[in-house]
Amino acid sequence: VREADIRHEIETYNEILGGAGELGVTLLIEIDDREARAVKLREWWTLPEHLYLQLEDGTKVHARFDPRQRGEGRVSSVQYLRFDVGGRVPVAAGVDLPGMECVVRLTDEQRRALGEDLAGVESPQVSVA
């Protein structure tokens, strides 16, 4: 209810939205077992550097992330990522972390939605009136 707190929240979320030509992504690592999750979050310390979107020409655009999303020897289970795709619509999403390599092609429907997002969002910033 305090304006300063509201402004802080808006500024925080505006950081993760990305700018024109970028896609902002939230990644949730969900592992129900608390002990297993703690182990994986330590092992996956470099995961954010290994996430990418692949463009039609094969270019891999790796994620940019906030290093504050790491701490105490582990990566956070929630990652806010930005991909500077230059306004181009990706065809796949992938990870190239050794032992976890995977590429998933995006559906036509997903690509259409991303294309609409990229075309229709000049400045996704939110403000307080």
C-alpha atoms as a PDB file:
ATOM      1  CA  VAL A   1       0.000   0.000   0.000  1.00  0.00           C
ATOM      2  CA  ARG A   2       3.008   2.305   0.352  1.00  0.00           C
ATOM      3  CA  GLU A   3       4.002   4.044  -2.872  1.00  0.00           C
ATOM      4  CA  ALA A   4       7.737   3.409  -2.289  1.00  0.00           C
ATOM      5  CA  ASP A   5       7.093  -0.346  -1.971  1.00  0.00           C
ATOM      6  CA  ILE A   6       4.914  -0.357  -5.064  1.00  0.00           C
ATOM      7  CA  ARG A   7       7.576   1.519  -7.065  1.00  0.00           C
ATOM      8  CA  HIS A   8      10.225  -0.969  -5.893  1.00  0.00           C
ATOM      9  CA  GLU A   9       8.112  -3.922  -7.094  1.00  0.00           C
ATOM     10  CA  ILE A  10       7.455  -2.274 -10.453  1.00  0.00           C
ATOM     11  CA  GLU A  11      11.149  -1.456 -10.950  1.00  0.00           C
ATOM     12  CA  THR A  12      12.102  -5.020 -10.031  1.00  0.00           C
ATOM     13  CA  TYR A  13       9.703  -6.569 -12.539  1.00  0.00           C
ATOM     14  CA  ASN A  14      10.543  -4.050 -15.271  1.00  0.00           C
ATOM     15  CA  GLU A  15      14.156  -5.286 -15.072  1.00  0.00           C
ATOM     16  CA  ILE A  16      13.095  -8.786 -16.109  1.00  0.00           C
ATOM     17  CA  LEU A  17      10.753  -7.836 -18.948  1.00  0.00           C
ATOM     18  CA  GLY A  18      13.502  -6.988 -21.382  1.00  0.00           C
ATOM     19  CA  GLY A  19      13.490  -4.321 -24.030  1.00  0.00           C
ATOM     20  CA  ALA A  20      12.406  -4.044 -27.633  1.00  0.00           C
ATOM     21  CA  GLY A  21      13.408  -7.147 -29.608  1.00  0.00           C
ATOM     22  CA  GLU A  22      13.973  -9.207 -26.453  1.00  0.00           C
ATOM     23  CA  LEU A  23      11.976 -11.994 -24.871  1.00  0.00           C
ATOM     24  CA  GLY A  24      11.672 -12.153 -21.096  1.00  0.00           C
ATOM     25  CA  VAL A  25      11.276 -15.620 -19.611  1.00  0.00           C
ATOM     26  CA  THR A  26      10.618 -17.002 -16.160  1.00  0.00           C
ATOM     27  CA  LEU A  27      12.064 -20.448 -15.486  1.00  0.00           C
ATOM     28  CA  LEU A  28      10.850 -22.424 -12.484  1.00  0.00           C
ATOM     29  CA  ILE A  29      12.890 -25.428 -11.388  1.00  0.00           C
ATOM     30  CA  GLU A  30      10.378 -27.596  -9.592  1.00  0.00           C
ATOM     31  CA  ILE A  31      11.712 -30.572  -7.637  1.00  0.00           C
ATOM     32  CA  ASP A  32       9.411 -31.697  -4.846  1.00  0.00           C
ATOM     33  CA  ASP A  33      12.060 -33.515  -2.801  1.00  0.00           C
ATOM     34  CA  ARG A  34      13.778 -30.805  -0.720  1.00  0.00           C
ATOM     35  CA  GLU A  35      17.099 -32.681  -0.407  1.00  0.00           C
ATOM     36  CA  ALA A  36      17.262 -33.609  -4.089  1.00  0.00           C
ATOM     37  CA  ARG A  37      16.387 -30.018  -5.018  1.00  0.00           C
ATOM     38  CA  ALA A  38      19.207 -28.643  -2.839  1.00  0.00           C
ATOM     39  CA  VAL A  39      21.707 -30.988  -4.517  1.00  0.00           C
ATOM     40  CA  LYS A  40      20.565 -30.130  -8.052  1.00  0.00           C
ATOM     41  CA  LEU A  41      20.549 -26.378  -7.429  1.00  0.00           C
ATOM     42  CA  ARG A  42      24.196 -26.647  -6.361  1.00  0.00           C
ATOM     43  CA  GLU A  43      25.104 -28.872  -9.323  1.00  0.00           C
ATOM     44  CA  TRP A  44      23.307 -26.563 -11.763  1.00  0.00           C
ATOM     45  CA  TRP A  45      25.186 -23.408 -10.686  1.00  0.00           C
ATOM     46  CA  THR A  46      26.013 -22.589 -14.327  1.00  0.00           C
ATOM     47  CA  LEU A  47      22.594 -23.504 -15.757  1.00  0.00           C
ATOM     48  CA  PRO A  48      21.603 -19.916 -16.692  1.00  0.00           C
ATOM     49  CA  GLU A  49      24.631 -19.620 -19.016  1.00  0.00           C
ATOM     50  CA  HIS A  50      23.579 -22.797 -20.800  1.00  0.00           C
ATOM     51  CA  LEU A  51      19.998 -21.863 -21.692  1.00  0.00           C
ATOM     52  CA  TYR A  52      19.329 -20.613 -25.205  1.00  0.00           C
ATOM     53  CA  LEU A  53      16.757 -19.912 -27.878  1.00  0.00           C
ATOM     54  CA  GLN A  54      17.594 -21.071 -31.382  1.00  0.00           C
ATOM     55  CA  LEU A  55      16.762 -18.921 -34.384  1.00  0.00           C
ATOM     56  CA  GLU A  56      15.741 -20.138 -37.820  1.00  0.00           C
ATOM     57  CA  ASP A  57      19.288 -19.742 -39.180  1.00  0.00           C
ATOM     58  CA  GLY A  58      20.654 -21.962 -36.381  1.00  0.00           C
ATOM     59  CA  THR A  59      21.995 -19.098 -34.248  1.00  0.00           C
ATOM     60  CA  LYS A  60      21.842 -19.803 -30.522  1.00  0.00           C
ATOM     61  CA  VAL A  61      20.915 -16.795 -28.399  1.00  0.00           C
ATOM     62  CA  HIS A  62      22.013 -17.507 -24.835  1.00  0.00           C
ATOM     63  CA  ALA A  63      20.131 -16.095 -21.887  1.00  0.00           C
ATOM     64  CA  ARG A  64      21.128 -13.013 -19.987  1.00  0.00           C
ATOM     65  CA  PHE A  65      20.376 -13.270 -16.307  1.00  0.00           C
ATOM     66  CA  ASP A  66      20.819 -11.391 -13.077  1.00  0.00           C
ATOM     67  CA  PRO A  67      23.754 -12.774 -11.073  1.00  0.00           C
ATOM     68  CA  ARG A  68      21.786 -11.945  -7.917  1.00  0.00           C
ATOM     69  CA  GLN A  69      19.769 -15.076  -8.726  1.00  0.00           C
ATOM     70  CA  ARG A  70      22.634 -17.084  -7.281  1.00  0.00           C
ATOM     71  CA  GLY A  71      23.738 -17.336  -3.724  1.00  0.00           C
ATOM     72  CA  GLU A  72      25.105 -19.589  -1.032  1.00  0.00           C
ATOM     73  CA  GLY A  73      26.675 -21.922  -3.603  1.00  0.00           C
ATOM     74  CA  ARG A  74      23.471 -22.596  -5.499  1.00  0.00           C
ATOM     75  CA  VAL A  75      21.343 -21.198  -8.272  1.00  0.00           C
ATOM     76  CA  SER A  76      17.847 -19.951  -7.428  1.00  0.00           C
ATOM     77  CA  SER A  77      14.946 -22.256  -8.315  1.00  0.00           C
ATOM     78  CA  VAL A  78      13.299 -19.287 -10.067  1.00  0.00           C
ATOM     79  CA  GLN A  79      15.248 -17.671 -12.879  1.00  0.00           C
ATOM     80  CA  TYR A  80      14.288 -14.488 -14.724  1.00  0.00           C
ATOM     81  CA  LEU A  81      15.970 -14.568 -18.114  1.00  0.00           C
ATOM     82  CA  ARG A  82      16.167 -12.302 -21.132  1.00  0.00           C
ATOM     83  CA  PHE A  83      16.979 -13.343 -24.667  1.00  0.00           C
ATOM     84  CA  ASP A  84      18.012 -10.658 -27.144  1.00  0.00           C
ATOM     85  CA  VAL A  85      16.614 -12.266 -30.280  1.00  0.00           C
ATOM     86  CA  GLY A  86      16.730  -8.976 -32.189  1.00  0.00           C
ATOM     87  CA  GLY A  87      13.001  -9.171 -32.829  1.00  0.00           C
ATOM     88  CA  ARG A  88      13.337 -12.546 -34.575  1.00  0.00           C
ATOM     89  CA  VAL A  89      11.071 -15.411 -33.572  1.00  0.00           C
ATOM     90  CA  PRO A  90      12.916 -18.448 -32.212  1.00  0.00           C
ATOM     91  CA  VAL A  91      12.225 -21.932 -33.558  1.00  0.00           C
ATOM     92  CA  ALA A  92      13.501 -23.896 -30.541  1.00  0.00           C
ATOM     93  CA  ALA A  93      14.565 -23.646 -26.903  1.00  0.00           C
ATOM     94  CA  GLY A  94      17.467 -25.571 -25.502  1.00  0.00           C
ATOM     95  CA  VAL A  95      20.008 -26.231 -22.823  1.00  0.00           C
ATOM     96  CA  ASP A  96      23.625 -27.220 -23.446  1.00  0.00           C
ATOM     97  CA  LEU A  97      24.690 -27.907 -19.863  1.00  0.00           C
ATOM     98  CA  PRO A  98      26.842 -31.068 -19.971  1.00  0.00           C
ATOM     99  CA  GLY A  99      24.713 -34.053 -19.009  1.00  0.00           C
ATOM    100  CA  MET A 100      21.471 -32.142 -19.563  1.00  0.00           C
ATOM    101  CA  GLU A 101      21.609 -31.335 -23.280  1.00  0.00           C
ATOM    102  CA  CYS A 102      18.167 -30.928 -24.801  1.00  0.00           C
ATOM    103  CA  VAL A 103      16.494 -29.003 -27.630  1.00  0.00           C
ATOM    104  CA  VAL A 104      12.733 -28.589 -27.973  1.00  0.00           C
ATOM    105  CA  ARG A 105      11.233 -27.266 -31.201  1.00  0.00           C
ATOM    106  CA  LEU A 106       8.537 -24.663 -30.704  1.00  0.00           C
ATOM    107  CA  THR A 107       5.122 -25.308 -32.206  1.00  0.00           C
ATOM    108  CA  ASP A 108       3.658 -23.053 -34.887  1.00  0.00           C
ATOM    109  CA  GLU A 109       1.213 -21.739 -32.289  1.00  0.00           C
ATOM    110  CA  GLN A 110       4.032 -20.889 -29.859  1.00  0.00           C
ATOM    111  CA  ARG A 111       6.007 -19.169 -32.612  1.00  0.00           C
ATOM    112  CA  ARG A 112       2.948 -17.131 -33.659  1.00  0.00           C
ATOM    113  CA  ALA A 113       2.385 -16.002 -30.060  1.00  0.00           C
ATOM    114  CA  LEU A 114       6.042 -15.013 -29.646  1.00  0.00           C
ATOM    115  CA  GLY A 115       5.934 -13.178 -32.979  1.00  0.00           C
ATOM    116  CA  GLU A 116       2.897 -11.217 -31.797  1.00  0.00           C
ATOM    117  CA  ASP A 117       4.673 -10.384 -28.531  1.00  0.00           C
ATOM    118  CA  LEU A 118       7.781  -9.209 -30.358  1.00  0.00           C
ATOM    119  CA  ALA A 119       5.808  -7.167 -32.896  1.00  0.00           C
ATOM    120  CA  GLY A 120       3.388  -5.588 -30.468  1.00  0.00           C
ATOM    121  CA  VAL A 121       5.560  -4.604 -27.548  1.00  0.00           C
ATOM    122  CA  GLU A 122       7.627  -1.484 -28.113  1.00  0.00           C
ATOM    123  CA  SER A 123       8.260  -0.782 -24.458  1.00  0.00           C
ATOM    124  CA  PRO A 124       6.820  -3.331 -22.018  1.00  0.00           C
ATOM    125  CA  GLN A 125       7.654  -1.184 -18.996  1.00  0.00           C
ATOM    126  CA  VAL A 126       4.970  -0.708 -16.370  1.00  0.00           C
ATOM    127  CA  SER A 127       4.556   2.539 -14.490  1.00  0.00           C
ATOM    128  CA  VAL A 128       2.640   3.981 -11.576  1.00  0.00           C
ATOM    129  CA  ALA A 129       0.304   6.848 -12.402  1.00  0.00           C
END
